[in-house]
Amino acid sequence: MATLTRTAPSPVRAGSRAEPARALVPAGWLVVLSAPLALSANSPAMILPTLAGDFGVSLATVSWLVSAFGWAMALGTPLMGGLVRRRGIRPVLLTGAALTALGTALVAVAPWLPLLLAGRALQAFGGSALVAVAMNLAGGSTRRMGTIAAGFGFLGATGPLVGSTVTAAASWHLAFAIQAVTLVGVPFVLRYTPKGATGGDGRFDAVGAAVLAVLVTALVAVPHYPLPGAVAVLIAVVLLGLRVRRVPDGFVPATLLRSPAFLAASGMTLLLSTSYFAMLFTVPRLLAEKTSWSAGTIGAGQMAAMITGSVLVFGLAAVAPRLPQRLLTPLLLGLGGLALAGVFLSPWALGLFAVSTLSLLANSGGQAVFGVRAMRAAPVEKRPVAIGLFNLAFQLGGAFGPTLVVLLAN
């Protein structure tokens, strides 16, 4: 991957100990750094019954592996965005690498479900840090953001098949350990981040971060425990509102909460993400019920459909800057709605593969288009936090979608 000589603006705020200008990281290394998280997140899609049998628990119980991973990604994403703002790129990059390595070591040997849950959570925390770094280094470019999103879609598409194939050939331990591939990109990205760079003013709103953590945890718990979870969400929302009012420039900046453009971009991403991750777990199950195809055939077909969607995302990201912005939102939401309708209305099994393609195109295209909108809606000094909170909306969809599918199926 050739080194580009163009420089990217530092994401930190003016007047702080800013990082020196750095070469623009090749987009390919940003994909290597971030996209394996999608592979890891989707790998349980077809092996949950195997895990339930191995641990001697119900499918609903083992689905906590999905919820824990989604919870940790949802929690880690804004936290790491805040740390990028306060500490800079390099410390967050190294932290993400360390957490990913530790989590992968745990899942590679875990003999008990609680230890596996802990390892998966650490993997998700580490991966969210690496994603935060990658999106900050994308430089606010729709094309570069689209490349990252398409990489997510491409590796996410392979997740279910890779998970089932590796489990059948070796073990689910190895299937979960594949996320270690992301560590390959760390030294190459590290070359573009100068030593000693701190990037922030050192202040960190720990109380605001803790309140947001409570809110994220309550939101993830709602599908499992609707009434207690909803009460906890209301309490956390009130506490967060009070904290934002008291510290408007804290962990959750008031500027972002008052921005209609930022809220709209995040809300639409949450909607598309929830739908996409629900499709990811629903389509293989429906194909298994409607056909006599093997798990390998279903996984291969799903992967081909989603790779097609990823290729289309590359094309969409390339032309999106030249399209009227007022057309992009209805286009993406329309594609997502068409995919959702296809799940219930498609009379053919092959039509479900088209559902996967459309859903991925809507979700990954939305992540690129709405991500740039969310970033540009924020003041320059708050863009790392805006990226983190925007990605929180995406990751919450990753927690909600699969959990809802598993619970409804029971």
Protein backbone atom coordinates (compact mmCIF):
# COMPACT_ATOMS: atom_id res chain seq x y z
CA MET A 1 0.00 0.00 0.00
CA ALA A 2 1.72 3.16 -1.17
CA THR A 3 2.24 5.96 1.31
CA LEU A 4 0.44 9.17 0.44
CA THR A 5 2.18 12.46 1.09
CA ARG A 6 -0.96 14.50 1.62
CA THR A 7 -1.58 15.44 5.26
CA ALA A 8 -4.73 15.14 7.30
CA PRO A 9 -5.88 17.79 9.76
CA SER A 10 -5.62 16.88 13.40
CA PRO A 11 -8.99 16.09 14.97
CA VAL A 12 -8.12 17.78 18.23
CA ARG A 13 -9.27 21.19 19.21
CA ALA A 14 -7.53 24.45 18.56
CA GLY A 15 -5.36 25.77 21.32
CA SER A 16 -4.58 22.37 22.82
CA ARG A 17 -1.37 20.43 22.52
CA ALA A 18 -2.22 19.42 19.00
CA GLU A 19 -0.73 16.49 17.21
CA PRO A 20 1.66 17.39 14.42
CA ALA A 21 0.31 17.15 10.89
CA ARG A 22 0.51 13.57 9.70
CA ALA A 23 0.46 11.80 6.36
CA LEU A 24 -2.96 10.66 5.26
CA VAL A 25 -3.15 6.96 6.15
CA PRO A 26 -3.92 4.78 3.11
CA ALA A 27 -7.57 3.74 3.30
CA GLY A 28 -6.61 0.08 2.90
CA TRP A 29 -4.82 0.06 6.25
CA LEU A 30 -7.82 1.70 7.89
CA VAL A 31 -9.94 -1.19 6.61
CA VAL A 32 -7.45 -3.76 7.94
CA LEU A 33 -7.47 -1.97 11.29
CA SER A 34 -11.24 -1.78 11.69
CA ALA A 35 -13.14 -4.25 9.50
CA PRO A 36 -12.15 -7.51 11.27
CA LEU A 37 -14.41 -6.32 14.08
CA ALA A 38 -17.38 -6.92 11.76
CA LEU A 39 -16.09 -10.42 10.97
CA SER A 40 -15.88 -11.15 14.69
CA ALA A 41 -19.27 -9.64 15.49
CA ASN A 42 -21.06 -11.74 12.87
CA SER A 43 -19.20 -15.01 13.38
CA PRO A 44 -21.72 -16.40 15.95
CA ALA A 45 -24.66 -16.07 13.53
CA MET A 46 -24.73 -19.78 12.59
CA ILE A 47 -23.01 -21.40 15.59
CA LEU A 48 -25.19 -20.30 18.51
CA PRO A 49 -26.95 -23.70 18.65
CA THR A 50 -23.53 -25.43 18.78
CA LEU A 51 -22.42 -23.16 21.61
CA ALA A 52 -25.66 -23.77 23.50
CA GLY A 53 -25.11 -27.54 23.22
CA ASP A 54 -21.46 -27.34 24.29
CA PHE A 55 -22.24 -25.28 27.37
CA GLY A 56 -25.49 -27.09 28.15
CA VAL A 57 -27.58 -23.90 28.20
CA SER A 58 -30.55 -22.54 26.25
CA LEU A 59 -30.26 -20.57 23.03
CA ALA A 60 -31.56 -17.48 24.84
CA THR A 61 -28.76 -17.81 27.41
CA VAL A 62 -26.00 -18.22 24.87
CA SER A 63 -27.39 -15.23 22.95
CA TRP A 64 -25.78 -13.14 25.70
CA LEU A 65 -22.56 -13.65 23.72
CA VAL A 66 -24.10 -11.48 21.01
CA SER A 67 -25.54 -9.00 23.52
CA ALA A 68 -22.28 -8.71 25.47
CA PHE A 69 -20.31 -8.05 22.30
CA GLY A 70 -22.83 -5.48 21.12
CA TRP A 71 -22.95 -3.87 24.57
CA ALA A 72 -19.17 -3.55 24.73
CA MET A 73 -18.97 -2.10 21.22
CA ALA A 74 -21.79 0.34 21.98
CA LEU A 75 -20.15 1.40 25.23
CA GLY A 76 -16.61 1.45 23.92
CA THR A 77 -17.36 3.49 20.80
CA PRO A 78 -18.22 6.83 22.46
CA LEU A 79 -15.68 6.22 25.22
CA MET A 80 -12.88 5.79 22.72
CA GLY A 81 -14.11 8.78 20.73
CA GLY A 82 -13.85 10.86 23.90
CA LEU A 83 -10.36 9.53 24.56
CA VAL A 84 -9.27 10.44 21.03
CA ARG A 85 -10.41 13.99 21.72
CA ARG A 86 -8.61 14.17 25.08
CA ARG A 87 -5.56 11.98 24.51
CA GLY A 88 -5.05 11.74 20.78
CA ILE A 89 -4.82 8.96 18.21
CA ARG A 90 -1.73 7.07 19.34
CA PRO A 91 -2.78 6.20 22.94
CA VAL A 92 -6.20 5.00 21.77
CA LEU A 93 -4.61 2.92 18.99
CA LEU A 94 -2.27 1.19 21.45
CA THR A 95 -5.07 0.70 24.00
CA GLY A 96 -7.29 -0.89 21.37
CA ALA A 97 -4.52 -3.24 20.28
CA ALA A 98 -3.83 -4.34 23.86
CA LEU A 99 -7.51 -4.98 24.67
CA THR A 100 -8.01 -6.90 21.42
CA ALA A 101 -4.98 -9.09 22.11
CA LEU A 102 -6.10 -9.82 25.69
CA GLY A 103 -9.68 -10.59 24.67
CA THR A 104 -8.52 -12.87 21.87
CA ALA A 105 -6.25 -14.77 24.25
CA LEU A 106 -9.22 -15.36 26.58
CA VAL A 107 -11.64 -16.61 23.91
CA ALA A 108 -8.96 -18.91 22.51
CA VAL A 109 -8.84 -20.92 25.76
CA ALA A 110 -12.12 -20.13 27.59
CA PRO A 111 -13.63 -23.35 29.06
CA TRP A 112 -16.62 -21.58 30.65
CA LEU A 113 -19.31 -19.29 29.27
CA PRO A 114 -18.62 -16.41 31.74
CA LEU A 115 -14.94 -16.34 30.72
CA LEU A 116 -15.92 -16.43 27.04
CA LEU A 117 -18.30 -13.52 27.67
CA ALA A 118 -15.47 -11.54 29.28
CA GLY A 119 -13.13 -12.27 26.37
CA ARG A 120 -15.73 -11.25 23.80
CA ALA A 121 -16.40 -8.01 25.68
CA LEU A 122 -12.67 -7.18 25.72
CA GLN A 123 -12.45 -7.91 22.00
CA ALA A 124 -15.34 -5.54 21.38
CA PHE A 125 -13.83 -2.78 23.54
CA GLY A 126 -10.52 -3.13 21.73
CA GLY A 127 -12.17 -3.23 18.33
CA SER A 128 -14.23 -0.13 19.07
CA ALA A 129 -11.01 1.75 19.87
CA LEU A 130 -9.49 0.72 16.54
CA VAL A 131 -12.66 1.71 14.68
CA ALA A 132 -12.61 5.11 16.41
CA VAL A 133 -9.03 5.59 15.25
CA ALA A 134 -9.83 4.51 11.69
CA MET A 135 -12.84 6.82 11.33
CA ASN A 136 -10.95 9.79 12.77
CA LEU A 137 -8.14 9.15 10.31
CA ALA A 138 -10.62 8.95 7.42
CA GLY A 139 -10.54 12.75 7.42
CA GLY A 140 -14.25 13.45 6.84
CA SER A 141 -14.17 12.07 3.30
CA THR A 142 -17.31 10.27 2.11
CA ARG A 143 -15.18 8.11 -0.19
CA ARG A 144 -12.77 7.05 2.57
CA MET A 145 -15.63 6.52 5.01
CA GLY A 146 -17.35 4.49 2.31
CA THR A 147 -14.25 2.36 1.88
CA ILE A 148 -14.24 1.59 5.61
CA ALA A 149 -17.99 0.87 5.57
CA ALA A 150 -17.65 -1.38 2.53
CA GLY A 151 -14.79 -3.22 4.24
CA PHE A 152 -17.08 -3.69 7.23
CA GLY A 153 -19.77 -5.05 4.96
CA PHE A 154 -17.38 -7.34 3.08
CA LEU A 155 -15.85 -8.96 6.16
CA GLY A 156 -19.16 -8.90 7.98
CA ALA A 157 -20.58 -10.87 5.06
CA THR A 158 -17.99 -13.58 5.55
CA GLY A 159 -18.56 -13.74 9.32
CA PRO A 160 -21.36 -16.33 9.50
CA LEU A 161 -19.70 -18.67 6.98
CA VAL A 162 -16.24 -18.25 8.50
CA GLY A 163 -17.66 -18.88 11.96
CA SER A 164 -19.49 -22.07 10.97
CA THR A 165 -16.67 -23.37 8.74
CA VAL A 166 -13.89 -22.82 11.28
CA THR A 167 -16.06 -24.30 14.05
CA ALA A 168 -16.73 -27.42 11.98
CA ALA A 169 -13.09 -27.79 10.93
CA ALA A 170 -11.43 -26.89 14.24
CA SER A 171 -13.39 -25.27 17.08
CA TRP A 172 -15.43 -22.24 17.97
CA HIS A 173 -12.44 -21.06 20.03
CA LEU A 174 -10.53 -20.49 16.80
CA ALA A 175 -13.58 -18.92 15.14
CA PHE A 176 -13.75 -16.27 17.84
CA ALA A 177 -9.96 -15.73 17.82
CA ILE A 178 -9.91 -14.63 14.16
CA GLN A 179 -10.39 -11.02 15.23
CA ALA A 180 -6.64 -11.00 15.94
CA VAL A 181 -6.20 -10.26 12.19
CA THR A 182 -6.94 -6.62 13.02
CA LEU A 183 -3.62 -6.39 14.87
CA VAL A 184 -1.80 -6.68 11.53
CA GLY A 185 -2.83 -3.12 10.70
CA VAL A 186 -1.67 -1.57 13.99
CA PRO A 187 2.08 -1.14 13.23
CA PHE A 188 1.35 0.28 9.78
CA VAL A 189 -1.11 2.86 11.11
CA LEU A 190 1.24 3.58 13.99
CA ARG A 191 3.80 4.82 11.46
CA TYR A 192 1.52 7.79 10.75
CA THR A 193 1.07 8.82 14.40
CA PRO A 194 4.04 10.67 15.92
CA LYS A 195 5.44 9.58 19.27
CA GLY A 196 4.68 11.81 22.21
CA ALA A 197 1.51 13.22 20.66
CA THR A 198 -1.21 13.72 23.24
CA GLY A 199 -3.77 15.65 21.25
CA GLY A 200 -5.93 16.95 24.07
CA ASP A 201 -6.08 19.14 27.15
CA GLY A 202 -6.03 16.18 29.54
CA ARG A 203 -9.49 16.75 31.07
CA PHE A 204 -11.90 13.82 31.01
CA ASP A 205 -15.51 13.95 32.17
CA ALA A 206 -15.56 10.66 34.08
CA VAL A 207 -19.01 11.30 35.56
CA GLY A 208 -20.50 11.97 32.13
CA ALA A 209 -18.84 8.83 30.76
CA ALA A 210 -20.24 6.77 33.65
CA VAL A 211 -23.78 8.08 33.13
CA LEU A 212 -23.59 7.29 29.42
CA ALA A 213 -22.31 3.80 30.29
CA VAL A 214 -25.37 3.26 32.48
CA LEU A 215 -27.65 4.43 29.66
CA VAL A 216 -26.01 2.13 27.10
CA THR A 217 -26.19 -0.83 29.48
CA ALA A 218 -29.87 -0.16 30.17
CA LEU A 219 -30.64 0.11 26.44
CA VAL A 220 -28.93 -3.21 25.70
CA ALA A 221 -30.83 -4.85 28.60
CA VAL A 222 -34.28 -3.71 27.37
CA PRO A 223 -34.85 -6.65 24.96
CA HIS A 224 -34.00 -9.13 27.74
CA TYR A 225 -35.72 -7.34 30.63
CA PRO A 226 -38.25 -4.89 29.10
CA LEU A 227 -39.76 -3.28 32.21
CA PRO A 228 -36.64 -2.94 34.42
CA GLY A 229 -34.60 -1.95 31.38
CA ALA A 230 -37.07 0.76 30.37
CA VAL A 231 -37.11 2.19 33.90
CA ALA A 232 -33.30 2.21 33.97
CA VAL A 233 -33.24 3.97 30.57
CA LEU A 234 -35.55 6.73 31.83
CA ILE A 235 -33.45 7.25 34.95
CA ALA A 236 -30.23 7.31 32.92
CA VAL A 237 -31.69 9.80 30.42
CA VAL A 238 -32.64 12.15 33.27
CA LEU A 239 -29.18 11.83 34.83
CA LEU A 240 -27.50 12.44 31.50
CA GLY A 241 -29.66 15.51 30.88
CA LEU A 242 -28.67 16.92 34.25
CA ARG A 243 -24.99 16.21 33.58
CA VAL A 244 -25.07 17.84 30.15
CA ARG A 245 -26.78 20.89 31.61
CA ARG A 246 -24.15 21.17 34.34
CA VAL A 247 -21.16 20.40 32.10
CA PRO A 248 -22.16 21.38 28.54
CA ASP A 249 -18.66 20.67 27.20
CA GLY A 250 -18.35 17.32 28.99
CA PHE A 251 -18.28 13.76 27.72
CA VAL A 252 -21.56 14.28 25.84
CA PRO A 253 -21.37 17.84 24.48
CA ALA A 254 -24.59 19.86 24.55
CA THR A 255 -23.72 21.20 21.10
CA LEU A 256 -24.27 17.78 19.55
CA LEU A 257 -27.54 17.12 21.38
CA ARG A 258 -28.87 20.45 20.08
CA SER A 259 -27.87 19.74 16.49
CA PRO A 260 -30.83 18.51 14.37
CA ALA A 261 -28.42 17.36 11.64
CA PHE A 262 -26.37 15.24 14.05
CA LEU A 263 -29.44 13.73 15.74
CA ALA A 264 -31.10 12.94 12.41
CA ALA A 265 -27.95 11.26 11.03
CA SER A 266 -27.53 9.18 14.19
CA GLY A 267 -31.22 8.24 14.35
CA MET A 268 -31.34 7.03 10.75
CA THR A 269 -28.16 5.02 11.30
CA LEU A 270 -29.70 3.35 14.36
CA LEU A 271 -32.77 2.42 12.33
CA LEU A 272 -30.81 0.97 9.39
CA SER A 273 -28.32 -0.80 11.65
CA THR A 274 -30.99 -2.53 13.73
CA SER A 275 -32.74 -3.71 10.58
CA TYR A 276 -29.49 -4.92 9.01
CA PHE A 277 -28.28 -6.94 12.00
CA ALA A 278 -31.73 -8.45 12.43
CA MET A 279 -31.61 -9.51 8.76
CA LEU A 280 -28.16 -10.98 9.23
CA PHE A 281 -29.45 -13.44 11.80
CA THR A 282 -32.95 -13.92 10.32
CA VAL A 283 -32.16 -14.79 6.71
CA PRO A 284 -30.02 -17.90 7.44
CA ARG A 285 -32.70 -19.20 9.83
CA LEU A 286 -35.49 -18.68 7.30
CA LEU A 287 -33.47 -20.35 4.55
CA ALA A 288 -32.82 -23.34 6.82
CA GLU A 289 -36.59 -23.62 7.48
CA LYS A 290 -37.72 -23.14 3.85
CA THR A 291 -35.10 -25.23 2.06
CA SER A 292 -33.11 -28.44 2.44
CA TRP A 293 -29.83 -26.60 1.83
CA SER A 294 -26.86 -27.32 4.07
CA ALA A 295 -25.47 -24.70 6.43
CA GLY A 296 -22.46 -24.34 4.12
CA THR A 297 -24.65 -23.65 1.10
CA ILE A 298 -26.71 -21.09 2.99
CA GLY A 299 -23.57 -19.42 4.32
CA ALA A 300 -21.96 -19.29 0.88
CA GLY A 301 -25.09 -17.81 -0.69
CA GLN A 302 -25.40 -15.25 2.11
CA MET A 303 -21.77 -14.31 1.74
CA ALA A 304 -22.07 -13.87 -2.03
CA ALA A 305 -25.16 -11.69 -1.61
CA MET A 306 -23.47 -9.48 0.95
CA ILE A 307 -20.22 -9.21 -0.98
CA THR A 308 -22.35 -7.96 -3.87
CA GLY A 309 -23.80 -5.39 -1.49
CA SER A 310 -20.31 -4.35 -0.38
CA VAL A 311 -19.24 -3.77 -3.99
CA LEU A 312 -22.32 -1.62 -4.49
CA VAL A 313 -21.37 0.38 -1.38
CA PHE A 314 -18.01 1.22 -2.99
CA GLY A 315 -19.92 2.54 -5.99
CA LEU A 316 -22.37 4.49 -3.87
CA ALA A 317 -19.57 6.08 -1.84
CA ALA A 318 -17.85 7.14 -5.05
CA VAL A 319 -20.89 8.89 -6.52
CA ALA A 320 -22.52 10.12 -3.28
CA PRO A 321 -20.63 13.45 -3.19
CA ARG A 322 -22.03 14.28 -6.64
CA LEU A 323 -25.63 13.32 -5.86
CA PRO A 324 -28.17 15.81 -4.46
CA GLN A 325 -28.12 15.32 -0.69
CA ARG A 326 -31.90 15.54 -0.51
CA LEU A 327 -32.13 12.34 -2.57
CA LEU A 328 -29.67 10.23 -0.58
CA THR A 329 -31.76 9.96 2.59
CA PRO A 330 -34.96 8.67 0.93
CA LEU A 331 -32.84 6.39 -1.28
CA LEU A 332 -31.10 4.74 1.66
CA LEU A 333 -34.22 4.50 3.82
CA GLY A 334 -36.16 3.16 0.84
CA LEU A 335 -33.59 0.42 0.27
CA GLY A 336 -33.77 -0.51 3.94
CA GLY A 337 -37.57 -0.60 3.86
CA LEU A 338 -37.57 -2.70 0.69
CA ALA A 339 -35.24 -5.21 2.35
CA LEU A 340 -37.46 -5.42 5.42
CA ALA A 341 -40.55 -5.99 3.30
CA GLY A 342 -38.73 -8.67 1.33
CA VAL A 343 -38.25 -10.80 4.45
CA PHE A 344 -42.01 -11.15 4.85
CA LEU A 345 -43.14 -11.00 1.23
CA SER A 346 -40.52 -12.83 -0.85
CA PRO A 347 -42.08 -16.06 -2.21
CA TRP A 348 -38.68 -17.46 -3.25
CA ALA A 349 -35.76 -18.55 -1.11
CA LEU A 350 -33.34 -16.85 -3.49
CA GLY A 351 -35.22 -13.61 -2.86
CA LEU A 352 -33.88 -13.67 0.69
CA PHE A 353 -30.36 -13.31 -0.68
CA ALA A 354 -31.50 -10.15 -2.47
CA VAL A 355 -32.82 -8.95 0.91
CA SER A 356 -29.32 -9.36 2.35
CA THR A 357 -27.79 -7.37 -0.51
CA LEU A 358 -30.26 -4.49 -0.17
CA SER A 359 -30.01 -4.41 3.61
CA LEU A 360 -26.22 -4.26 3.57
CA LEU A 361 -26.23 -1.58 0.88
CA ALA A 362 -28.63 0.56 2.91
CA ASN A 363 -26.77 0.04 6.18
CA SER A 364 -23.18 0.46 4.98
CA GLY A 365 -24.11 3.23 2.56
CA GLY A 366 -25.92 4.99 5.39
CA GLN A 367 -22.94 4.56 7.69
CA ALA A 368 -20.73 6.37 5.17
CA VAL A 369 -23.18 9.11 4.12
CA PHE A 370 -24.69 9.81 7.53
CA GLY A 371 -21.32 9.47 9.25
CA VAL A 372 -19.91 12.35 7.21
CA ARG A 373 -23.05 14.39 7.91
CA ALA A 374 -22.75 13.76 11.65
CA MET A 375 -19.09 14.77 11.61
CA ARG A 376 -19.71 17.94 9.64
CA ALA A 377 -22.57 18.90 11.97
CA ALA A 378 -20.09 19.13 14.84
CA PRO A 379 -17.51 21.84 15.55
CA VAL A 380 -14.04 20.74 14.46
CA GLU A 381 -12.80 20.29 18.04
CA LYS A 382 -15.72 17.97 18.86
CA ARG A 383 -15.58 15.77 15.77
CA PRO A 384 -13.86 12.82 17.51
CA VAL A 385 -16.69 12.80 20.06
CA ALA A 386 -19.27 13.16 17.29
CA ILE A 387 -17.79 10.13 15.53
CA GLY A 388 -17.95 8.16 18.77
CA LEU A 389 -21.57 9.05 19.51
CA PHE A 390 -22.61 8.46 15.91
CA ASN A 391 -21.00 5.03 15.98
CA LEU A 392 -22.82 4.39 19.26
CA ALA A 393 -26.07 4.56 17.30
CA PHE A 394 -24.69 2.05 14.79
CA GLN A 395 -23.43 -0.31 17.49
CA LEU A 396 -26.71 -0.17 19.41
CA GLY A 397 -28.34 -1.50 16.26
CA GLY A 398 -25.81 -4.33 16.37
CA ALA A 399 -26.91 -5.12 19.92
CA PHE A 400 -30.66 -4.73 19.33
CA GLY A 401 -31.10 -6.55 16.01
CA PRO A 402 -29.71 -10.04 16.77
CA THR A 403 -31.08 -10.07 20.32
CA LEU A 404 -34.60 -9.24 19.13
CA VAL A 405 -34.42 -11.98 16.49
CA VAL A 406 -33.30 -14.64 18.99
CA LEU A 407 -35.90 -13.64 21.60
CA LEU A 408 -38.74 -13.47 19.08
CA ALA A 409 -37.74 -16.85 17.67
CA ASN A 410 -38.25 -18.34 21.11
